[in-house]
N, C-alpha and C. Protein backbone atom coordinates (compact mmCIF):
# COMPACT_ATOMS: atom_id res chain seq x y z
N SER A 1 231.25 -109.75 150.21
CA SER A 1 230.07 -109.20 150.87
C SER A 1 230.50 -108.06 151.78
N PHE A 2 229.94 -106.91 151.52
CA PHE A 2 230.25 -105.74 152.34
C PHE A 2 229.05 -105.48 153.25
N PRO A 3 229.22 -105.09 154.45
CA PRO A 3 230.45 -104.63 155.12
C PRO A 3 231.20 -105.76 155.81
N TYR A 4 230.91 -107.00 155.51
CA TYR A 4 231.53 -108.13 156.21
C TYR A 4 232.97 -108.35 155.80
N GLN A 5 233.33 -107.96 154.61
CA GLN A 5 234.72 -107.95 154.18
C GLN A 5 235.14 -106.50 153.96
N GLN A 6 236.44 -106.28 153.94
CA GLN A 6 236.95 -104.93 153.74
C GLN A 6 236.69 -104.46 152.32
N TYR A 7 236.34 -103.20 152.20
CA TYR A 7 236.07 -102.63 150.89
C TYR A 7 237.35 -102.19 150.19
N ASP A 8 238.41 -101.97 150.94
CA ASP A 8 239.63 -101.43 150.32
C ASP A 8 240.23 -102.38 149.28
N TYR A 9 239.70 -103.61 149.19
CA TYR A 9 240.14 -104.50 148.12
C TYR A 9 239.75 -103.95 146.75
N VAL A 10 238.66 -103.21 146.68
CA VAL A 10 238.17 -102.72 145.39
C VAL A 10 239.10 -101.64 144.83
N PRO A 11 239.39 -100.56 145.57
CA PRO A 11 240.34 -99.60 145.01
C PRO A 11 241.74 -100.21 144.81
N ARG A 12 242.09 -101.18 145.66
CA ARG A 12 243.40 -101.83 145.51
C ARG A 12 243.44 -102.64 144.21
N LEU A 13 242.33 -103.26 143.85
CA LEU A 13 242.25 -103.98 142.58
C LEU A 13 242.51 -103.03 141.41
N ILE A 14 241.91 -101.85 141.45
CA ILE A 14 242.10 -100.88 140.38
C ILE A 14 243.56 -100.42 140.34
N ARG A 15 244.17 -100.21 141.51
CA ARG A 15 245.58 -99.81 141.58
C ARG A 15 246.47 -100.89 140.97
N GLU A 16 246.22 -102.15 141.33
CA GLU A 16 247.03 -103.24 140.80
C GLU A 16 246.85 -103.38 139.30
N ALA A 17 245.63 -103.16 138.82
CA ALA A 17 245.40 -103.18 137.37
C ALA A 17 246.16 -102.05 136.69
N ALA A 18 246.16 -100.88 137.32
CA ALA A 18 246.86 -99.73 136.75
C ALA A 18 248.36 -99.99 136.65
N ASP A 19 248.89 -100.73 137.61
CA ASP A 19 250.33 -101.01 137.63
C ASP A 19 250.73 -102.21 136.78
N HIS A 20 249.76 -103.00 136.34
CA HIS A 20 250.07 -104.21 135.57
C HIS A 20 250.36 -103.84 134.12
N PRO A 21 251.52 -104.25 133.60
CA PRO A 21 251.88 -103.84 132.23
C PRO A 21 250.98 -104.40 131.13
N GLU A 22 250.28 -105.51 131.40
CA GLU A 22 249.44 -106.11 130.37
C GLU A 22 248.00 -105.60 130.40
N VAL A 23 247.63 -104.85 131.42
CA VAL A 23 246.27 -104.29 131.48
C VAL A 23 246.21 -103.08 130.55
N THR A 24 245.20 -103.07 129.69
CA THR A 24 245.07 -101.98 128.72
C THR A 24 243.90 -101.06 129.02
N LYS A 25 242.83 -101.59 129.62
CA LYS A 25 241.61 -100.81 129.77
C LYS A 25 240.93 -101.12 131.09
N ILE A 26 240.37 -100.07 131.70
CA ILE A 26 239.57 -100.20 132.91
C ILE A 26 238.28 -99.45 132.66
N ARG A 27 237.16 -100.15 132.81
CA ARG A 27 235.84 -99.54 132.63
C ARG A 27 235.07 -99.67 133.93
N ILE A 28 234.22 -98.68 134.22
CA ILE A 28 233.47 -98.72 135.47
C ILE A 28 232.18 -97.93 135.33
N THR A 29 231.17 -98.36 136.08
CA THR A 29 229.95 -97.57 136.20
C THR A 29 229.98 -96.93 137.58
N LEU A 30 229.68 -95.65 137.63
CA LEU A 30 229.72 -94.91 138.89
C LEU A 30 228.32 -94.38 139.19
N TYR A 31 227.75 -94.88 140.26
CA TYR A 31 226.39 -94.51 140.62
C TYR A 31 226.36 -93.56 141.82
N ARG A 32 227.00 -93.89 142.90
CA ARG A 32 227.08 -93.02 144.09
C ARG A 32 228.54 -92.93 144.48
N VAL A 33 229.22 -91.91 144.00
CA VAL A 33 230.64 -91.76 144.24
C VAL A 33 230.87 -90.96 145.52
N ALA A 34 231.71 -91.47 146.39
CA ALA A 34 232.03 -90.77 147.63
C ALA A 34 232.75 -89.45 147.32
N GLY A 35 232.57 -88.48 148.18
CA GLY A 35 233.24 -87.19 148.00
C GLY A 35 234.75 -87.32 147.94
N LYS A 36 235.31 -88.19 148.77
CA LYS A 36 236.75 -88.45 148.78
C LYS A 36 236.98 -89.87 148.31
N SER A 37 236.58 -90.15 147.10
CA SER A 37 236.54 -91.51 146.57
C SER A 37 237.91 -92.09 146.28
N ALA A 38 238.24 -93.18 146.97
CA ALA A 38 239.47 -93.93 146.68
C ALA A 38 239.38 -94.57 145.30
N VAL A 39 238.19 -95.00 144.92
CA VAL A 39 237.99 -95.62 143.59
C VAL A 39 238.31 -94.61 142.50
N ALA A 40 237.74 -93.41 142.58
CA ALA A 40 237.99 -92.39 141.56
C ALA A 40 239.46 -91.99 141.54
N LYS A 41 240.08 -91.90 142.70
CA LYS A 41 241.51 -91.56 142.75
C LYS A 41 242.36 -92.62 142.07
N GLU A 42 241.98 -93.89 142.24
CA GLU A 42 242.74 -94.96 141.58
C GLU A 42 242.50 -94.95 140.06
N LEU A 43 241.31 -94.55 139.64
CA LEU A 43 241.07 -94.40 138.20
C LEU A 43 241.94 -93.29 137.62
N LEU A 44 242.07 -92.20 138.37
CA LEU A 44 242.95 -91.11 137.94
C LEU A 44 244.40 -91.59 137.88
N TYR A 45 244.79 -92.38 138.86
CA TYR A 45 246.14 -92.96 138.86
C TYR A 45 246.33 -93.84 137.62
N ALA A 46 245.33 -94.64 137.28
CA ALA A 46 245.42 -95.52 136.11
C ALA A 46 245.69 -94.71 134.84
N LEU A 47 245.07 -93.54 134.75
CA LEU A 47 245.32 -92.68 133.59
C LEU A 47 246.78 -92.25 133.52
N THR A 48 247.38 -91.97 134.68
CA THR A 48 248.80 -91.56 134.69
C THR A 48 249.71 -92.71 134.30
N GLN A 49 249.20 -93.95 134.41
CA GLN A 49 249.98 -95.13 134.04
C GLN A 49 249.73 -95.55 132.60
N GLY A 50 249.00 -94.71 131.85
CA GLY A 50 248.77 -94.98 130.44
C GLY A 50 247.63 -95.92 130.14
N LYS A 51 246.80 -96.20 131.13
CA LYS A 51 245.65 -97.08 130.90
C LYS A 51 244.51 -96.29 130.29
N GLU A 52 243.73 -96.95 129.47
CA GLU A 52 242.51 -96.37 128.94
C GLU A 52 241.43 -96.55 130.00
N VAL A 53 240.84 -95.45 130.43
CA VAL A 53 239.81 -95.49 131.47
C VAL A 53 238.51 -94.98 130.88
N GLU A 54 237.45 -95.75 131.12
CA GLU A 54 236.11 -95.38 130.65
C GLU A 54 235.16 -95.45 131.84
N ALA A 55 234.38 -94.40 132.03
CA ALA A 55 233.44 -94.38 133.16
C ALA A 55 232.07 -93.94 132.67
N PHE A 56 231.06 -94.66 133.13
CA PHE A 56 229.69 -94.24 132.92
C PHE A 56 229.21 -93.67 134.24
N VAL A 57 228.84 -92.40 134.25
CA VAL A 57 228.46 -91.71 135.47
C VAL A 57 226.96 -91.45 135.46
N GLU A 58 226.27 -91.99 136.45
CA GLU A 58 224.83 -91.77 136.61
C GLU A 58 224.64 -90.43 137.32
N THR A 59 223.91 -89.54 136.66
CA THR A 59 223.70 -88.20 137.24
C THR A 59 222.41 -88.13 138.05
N LYS A 60 221.62 -89.19 138.03
CA LYS A 60 220.37 -89.19 138.80
C LYS A 60 220.50 -90.12 140.00
N ALA A 61 221.55 -89.94 140.80
CA ALA A 61 221.78 -90.74 142.00
C ALA A 61 221.46 -89.87 143.21
N ARG A 62 220.30 -90.05 143.75
CA ARG A 62 219.78 -89.20 144.82
C ARG A 62 220.84 -88.88 145.87
N PHE A 63 221.02 -87.62 146.14
CA PHE A 63 221.94 -87.05 147.13
C PHE A 63 223.40 -87.04 146.68
N ASP A 64 223.75 -87.75 145.63
CA ASP A 64 225.16 -87.84 145.23
C ASP A 64 225.42 -87.25 143.84
N GLU A 65 224.46 -86.52 143.31
CA GLU A 65 224.62 -85.98 141.96
C GLU A 65 225.84 -85.08 141.85
N ALA A 66 226.03 -84.18 142.82
CA ALA A 66 227.15 -83.24 142.75
C ALA A 66 228.48 -83.96 142.78
N SER A 67 228.61 -84.94 143.66
CA SER A 67 229.86 -85.70 143.75
C SER A 67 230.11 -86.47 142.45
N ASN A 68 229.07 -87.09 141.91
CA ASN A 68 229.21 -87.83 140.65
C ASN A 68 229.69 -86.91 139.53
N LEU A 69 229.06 -85.74 139.43
CA LEU A 69 229.43 -84.80 138.37
C LEU A 69 230.85 -84.28 138.56
N ASN A 70 231.23 -84.01 139.79
CA ASN A 70 232.59 -83.52 140.06
C ASN A 70 233.64 -84.56 139.66
N TRP A 71 233.42 -85.81 140.06
CA TRP A 71 234.37 -86.86 139.71
C TRP A 71 234.36 -87.13 138.21
N GLY A 72 233.19 -87.09 137.59
CA GLY A 72 233.12 -87.27 136.14
C GLY A 72 233.93 -86.21 135.42
N LYS A 73 233.80 -84.98 135.85
CA LYS A 73 234.54 -83.87 135.23
C LYS A 73 236.04 -84.05 135.44
N GLU A 74 236.43 -84.44 136.66
CA GLU A 74 237.85 -84.62 136.94
C GLU A 74 238.44 -85.76 136.11
N LEU A 75 237.70 -86.85 135.99
CA LEU A 75 238.16 -87.96 135.16
C LEU A 75 238.29 -87.54 133.69
N GLU A 76 237.30 -86.81 133.21
CA GLU A 76 237.31 -86.33 131.82
C GLU A 76 238.52 -85.45 131.56
N GLU A 77 238.75 -84.51 132.47
CA GLU A 77 239.87 -83.58 132.31
C GLU A 77 241.22 -84.30 132.34
N ALA A 78 241.27 -85.44 133.01
CA ALA A 78 242.51 -86.21 133.09
C ALA A 78 242.69 -87.14 131.89
N GLY A 79 241.68 -87.24 131.03
CA GLY A 79 241.81 -88.04 129.82
C GLY A 79 240.93 -89.27 129.73
N ALA A 80 240.07 -89.48 130.70
CA ALA A 80 239.16 -90.63 130.65
C ALA A 80 238.01 -90.35 129.69
N TYR A 81 237.46 -91.41 129.12
CA TYR A 81 236.22 -91.28 128.35
C TYR A 81 235.09 -91.40 129.36
N VAL A 82 234.30 -90.35 129.48
CA VAL A 82 233.21 -90.32 130.45
C VAL A 82 231.90 -90.13 129.70
N ARG A 83 230.95 -90.98 130.03
CA ARG A 83 229.60 -90.88 129.47
C ARG A 83 228.65 -90.67 130.64
N TYR A 84 227.66 -89.81 130.45
CA TYR A 84 226.71 -89.50 131.51
C TYR A 84 225.35 -90.11 131.21
N SER A 85 224.47 -90.06 132.18
CA SER A 85 223.13 -90.65 132.12
C SER A 85 222.41 -90.37 130.81
N PHE A 86 221.48 -91.27 130.52
CA PHE A 86 220.59 -91.11 129.39
C PHE A 86 219.30 -90.45 129.89
N PRO A 87 218.68 -89.59 129.09
CA PRO A 87 217.39 -89.02 129.51
C PRO A 87 216.36 -90.14 129.70
N ALA A 88 215.62 -90.06 130.77
CA ALA A 88 214.52 -90.97 131.09
C ALA A 88 214.96 -92.41 131.37
N VAL A 89 216.27 -92.64 131.51
CA VAL A 89 216.76 -93.97 131.83
C VAL A 89 217.73 -93.85 133.01
N LYS A 90 217.50 -94.68 134.03
CA LYS A 90 218.40 -94.68 135.17
C LYS A 90 219.25 -95.96 135.10
N VAL A 91 220.55 -95.79 135.03
CA VAL A 91 221.46 -96.92 134.97
C VAL A 91 221.91 -97.23 136.38
N HIS A 92 221.47 -98.38 136.88
CA HIS A 92 221.69 -98.73 138.28
C HIS A 92 222.72 -99.84 138.43
N THR A 93 223.38 -100.21 137.38
CA THR A 93 224.33 -101.32 137.42
C THR A 93 225.64 -100.91 138.08
N LYS A 94 226.29 -101.87 138.72
CA LYS A 94 227.59 -101.64 139.34
C LYS A 94 228.57 -102.62 138.72
N LEU A 95 229.33 -102.13 137.75
CA LEU A 95 230.25 -102.98 137.00
C LEU A 95 231.64 -102.38 136.96
N LEU A 96 232.62 -103.25 137.05
CA LEU A 96 234.02 -102.90 136.82
C LEU A 96 234.56 -103.94 135.86
N HIS A 97 235.22 -103.48 134.81
CA HIS A 97 235.72 -104.40 133.78
C HIS A 97 237.17 -104.03 133.48
N ILE A 98 238.05 -104.97 133.71
CA ILE A 98 239.49 -104.75 133.48
C ILE A 98 239.91 -105.70 132.37
N LEU A 99 240.57 -105.15 131.35
CA LEU A 99 241.03 -105.98 130.23
C LEU A 99 242.54 -106.13 130.28
N GLN A 100 242.98 -107.37 130.20
CA GLN A 100 244.40 -107.68 130.16
C GLN A 100 244.70 -108.34 128.83
N GLU A 101 245.69 -107.83 128.12
CA GLU A 101 246.11 -108.40 126.83
C GLU A 101 247.43 -109.13 127.06
N LYS A 102 247.37 -110.46 127.03
CA LYS A 102 248.57 -111.27 127.25
C LYS A 102 249.45 -111.27 126.00
N PRO A 103 250.74 -111.51 126.16
CA PRO A 103 251.65 -111.51 125.00
C PRO A 103 251.26 -112.51 123.90
N ASP A 104 250.59 -113.61 124.27
CA ASP A 104 250.19 -114.61 123.28
C ASP A 104 248.90 -114.23 122.55
N GLY A 105 248.37 -113.02 122.84
CA GLY A 105 247.16 -112.54 122.17
C GLY A 105 245.88 -112.83 122.92
N GLU A 106 245.96 -113.60 124.00
CA GLU A 106 244.76 -113.91 124.79
C GLU A 106 244.31 -112.66 125.55
N THR A 107 243.00 -112.45 125.59
CA THR A 107 242.42 -111.36 126.36
C THR A 107 241.78 -111.96 127.61
N VAL A 108 242.13 -111.39 128.76
CA VAL A 108 241.54 -111.83 130.02
C VAL A 108 240.62 -110.72 130.50
N HIS A 109 239.38 -111.09 130.80
CA HIS A 109 238.38 -110.16 131.33
C HIS A 109 238.30 -110.35 132.84
N TYR A 110 238.60 -109.31 133.60
CA TYR A 110 238.36 -109.32 135.04
C TYR A 110 237.05 -108.55 135.22
N SER A 111 236.02 -109.23 135.64
CA SER A 111 234.69 -108.64 135.73
C SER A 111 234.21 -108.62 137.17
N TYR A 112 233.83 -107.45 137.61
CA TYR A 112 233.26 -107.26 138.94
C TYR A 112 231.81 -106.85 138.73
N VAL A 113 230.90 -107.66 139.23
CA VAL A 113 229.46 -107.38 139.13
C VAL A 113 228.94 -107.30 140.56
N GLY A 114 228.40 -106.16 140.95
CA GLY A 114 228.00 -106.00 142.34
C GLY A 114 226.64 -105.36 142.51
N THR A 115 226.14 -105.46 143.73
CA THR A 115 224.87 -104.80 144.08
C THR A 115 225.11 -103.45 144.72
N GLY A 116 226.31 -103.21 145.22
CA GLY A 116 226.59 -101.97 145.93
C GLY A 116 227.31 -100.97 145.05
N ASN A 117 227.31 -99.74 145.48
CA ASN A 117 227.98 -98.67 144.75
C ASN A 117 229.48 -98.75 144.96
N PHE A 118 230.23 -98.16 144.06
CA PHE A 118 231.68 -98.06 144.24
C PHE A 118 231.94 -96.89 145.18
N ASN A 119 231.60 -97.11 146.44
CA ASN A 119 231.63 -96.04 147.44
C ASN A 119 232.06 -96.65 148.77
N GLU A 120 233.27 -96.32 149.18
CA GLU A 120 233.81 -96.92 150.41
C GLU A 120 233.07 -96.47 151.66
N LYS A 121 232.41 -95.34 151.61
CA LYS A 121 231.63 -94.87 152.77
C LYS A 121 230.37 -95.72 152.97
N THR A 122 229.59 -95.90 151.90
CA THR A 122 228.35 -96.67 152.03
C THR A 122 228.62 -98.17 152.16
N ALA A 123 229.81 -98.62 151.73
CA ALA A 123 230.16 -100.03 151.87
C ALA A 123 230.25 -100.44 153.33
N LYS A 124 230.41 -99.47 154.22
CA LYS A 124 230.46 -99.75 155.66
C LYS A 124 229.06 -99.74 156.29
N LEU A 125 228.07 -99.26 155.53
CA LEU A 125 226.72 -99.09 156.08
C LEU A 125 225.71 -100.10 155.57
N TYR A 126 225.83 -100.48 154.30
CA TYR A 126 224.82 -101.32 153.66
C TYR A 126 225.40 -102.68 153.31
N THR A 127 224.54 -103.69 153.32
CA THR A 127 224.95 -105.03 152.93
C THR A 127 224.84 -105.16 151.41
N ASP A 128 225.95 -105.48 150.79
CA ASP A 128 225.99 -105.67 149.34
C ASP A 128 226.88 -106.85 149.02
N HIS A 129 226.71 -107.35 147.82
CA HIS A 129 227.47 -108.50 147.37
C HIS A 129 228.11 -108.19 146.03
N ALA A 130 229.23 -108.84 145.78
CA ALA A 130 229.93 -108.65 144.51
C ALA A 130 230.51 -109.98 144.05
N LEU A 131 230.57 -110.14 142.76
CA LEU A 131 231.21 -111.29 142.13
C LEU A 131 232.39 -110.76 141.34
N LEU A 132 233.55 -111.31 141.58
CA LEU A 132 234.74 -111.01 140.79
C LEU A 132 235.13 -112.29 140.08
N THR A 133 235.16 -112.22 138.77
CA THR A 133 235.40 -113.43 137.99
C THR A 133 236.24 -113.13 136.74
N THR A 134 236.91 -114.18 136.25
CA THR A 134 237.59 -114.09 134.96
C THR A 134 236.91 -114.99 133.92
N ARG A 135 235.71 -115.42 134.22
CA ARG A 135 234.99 -116.26 133.24
C ARG A 135 234.79 -115.47 131.95
N PRO A 136 235.27 -116.00 130.84
CA PRO A 136 235.21 -115.27 129.57
C PRO A 136 233.79 -114.87 129.16
N ARG A 137 232.82 -115.75 129.34
CA ARG A 137 231.46 -115.44 128.89
C ARG A 137 230.87 -114.28 129.68
N ILE A 138 231.12 -114.22 130.97
CA ILE A 138 230.64 -113.08 131.77
C ILE A 138 231.38 -111.82 131.34
N GLY A 139 232.68 -111.94 131.13
CA GLY A 139 233.46 -110.79 130.67
C GLY A 139 232.98 -110.23 129.35
N LYS A 140 232.62 -111.12 128.43
CA LYS A 140 232.11 -110.67 127.13
C LYS A 140 230.75 -109.99 127.29
N ASP A 141 229.92 -110.49 128.21
CA ASP A 141 228.64 -109.84 128.48
C ASP A 141 228.85 -108.45 129.09
N VAL A 142 229.77 -108.35 130.05
CA VAL A 142 230.05 -107.06 130.67
C VAL A 142 230.58 -106.08 129.61
N ALA A 143 231.41 -106.56 128.71
CA ALA A 143 231.91 -105.71 127.62
C ALA A 143 230.74 -105.21 126.76
N GLN A 144 229.74 -106.06 126.53
CA GLN A 144 228.56 -105.62 125.76
C GLN A 144 227.79 -104.52 126.49
N VAL A 145 227.69 -104.66 127.81
CA VAL A 145 226.99 -103.62 128.58
C VAL A 145 227.70 -102.28 128.40
N PHE A 146 229.02 -102.28 128.43
CA PHE A 146 229.75 -101.03 128.24
C PHE A 146 229.59 -100.50 126.81
N GLN A 147 229.50 -101.40 125.82
CA GLN A 147 229.22 -100.95 124.46
C GLN A 147 227.84 -100.29 124.38
N LEU A 148 226.88 -100.88 125.07
CA LEU A 148 225.53 -100.33 125.13
C LEU A 148 225.55 -98.95 125.78
N LEU A 149 226.24 -98.83 126.91
CA LEU A 149 226.31 -97.54 127.61
C LEU A 149 227.06 -96.49 126.81
N ARG A 150 227.96 -96.92 125.97
CA ARG A 150 228.73 -96.00 125.13
C ARG A 150 227.91 -95.55 123.91
N GLY A 151 226.82 -96.27 123.64
CA GLY A 151 226.01 -95.94 122.48
C GLY A 151 226.44 -96.68 121.24
N ASN A 152 227.30 -97.68 121.37
CA ASN A 152 227.81 -98.44 120.22
C ASN A 152 227.03 -99.72 119.96
N LEU A 153 226.04 -100.00 120.79
CA LEU A 153 225.27 -101.23 120.66
C LEU A 153 223.81 -100.91 120.98
N ILE A 154 222.91 -101.36 120.15
CA ILE A 154 221.49 -101.07 120.36
C ILE A 154 220.82 -102.17 121.18
N LEU A 155 221.15 -103.41 120.88
CA LEU A 155 220.51 -104.53 121.55
C LEU A 155 221.57 -105.54 121.98
N PRO A 156 221.80 -105.71 123.29
CA PRO A 156 222.81 -106.67 123.73
C PRO A 156 222.37 -108.11 123.51
N ASP A 157 223.33 -108.98 123.26
CA ASP A 157 223.07 -110.41 123.09
C ASP A 157 223.86 -111.15 124.17
N CYS A 158 223.50 -110.90 125.42
CA CYS A 158 224.23 -111.47 126.55
C CYS A 158 223.83 -112.92 126.79
N LYS A 159 224.80 -113.72 127.17
CA LYS A 159 224.58 -115.15 127.43
C LYS A 159 224.42 -115.45 128.92
N LYS A 160 225.00 -114.64 129.79
CA LYS A 160 224.99 -114.91 131.23
C LYS A 160 224.31 -113.81 132.05
N LEU A 161 224.35 -112.58 131.59
CA LEU A 161 223.77 -111.46 132.32
C LEU A 161 222.39 -111.12 131.78
N LEU A 162 221.50 -110.72 132.65
CA LEU A 162 220.18 -110.22 132.26
C LEU A 162 220.24 -108.70 132.30
N ILE A 163 219.94 -108.07 131.17
CA ILE A 163 220.07 -106.62 131.05
C ILE A 163 218.70 -106.01 130.82
N ALA A 164 218.24 -105.20 131.79
CA ALA A 164 216.96 -104.51 131.64
C ALA A 164 217.14 -103.34 130.68
N PRO A 165 216.17 -103.01 129.92
CA PRO A 165 214.83 -103.57 129.82
C PRO A 165 214.71 -104.67 128.78
N PHE A 166 215.85 -105.24 128.36
CA PHE A 166 215.83 -106.20 127.26
C PHE A 166 215.49 -107.62 127.71
N THR A 167 215.89 -107.99 128.93
CA THR A 167 215.62 -109.34 129.43
C THR A 167 215.09 -109.26 130.84
């Protein structure tokens, strides 16, 4: 719960994922990105560590459009797969999905589902909550949301998450 807990755990989680040899992919939705975003900087760092980074950037985030576009462009130029808003649809979800491939073939989903933006500045101002879990069913649902945002899925079949406008 922010601002009751420190927000720096979030960019630190991304840094630790970037440094972990078994982590292969980091996906995130970016709605209101801070101008000097620690989260975006850690995503850039993850790219230098050979991680696959995917970001969905909402361009209709009141007052933060320029920052979102700047970070989206920087991530793209560094090698991330970046997808931008859909016409007439506002994506308001706050998701972080980290995939770890264990040597035995097991995939671990680290799923962060939150109400607040990935923005360390606003995390000090507004009350928001986040769930960080490795529950496989939630991780598979979060993976479906990213498939939907990527345009690879038309209708999600989520078991634990409710995805508007479908449910």
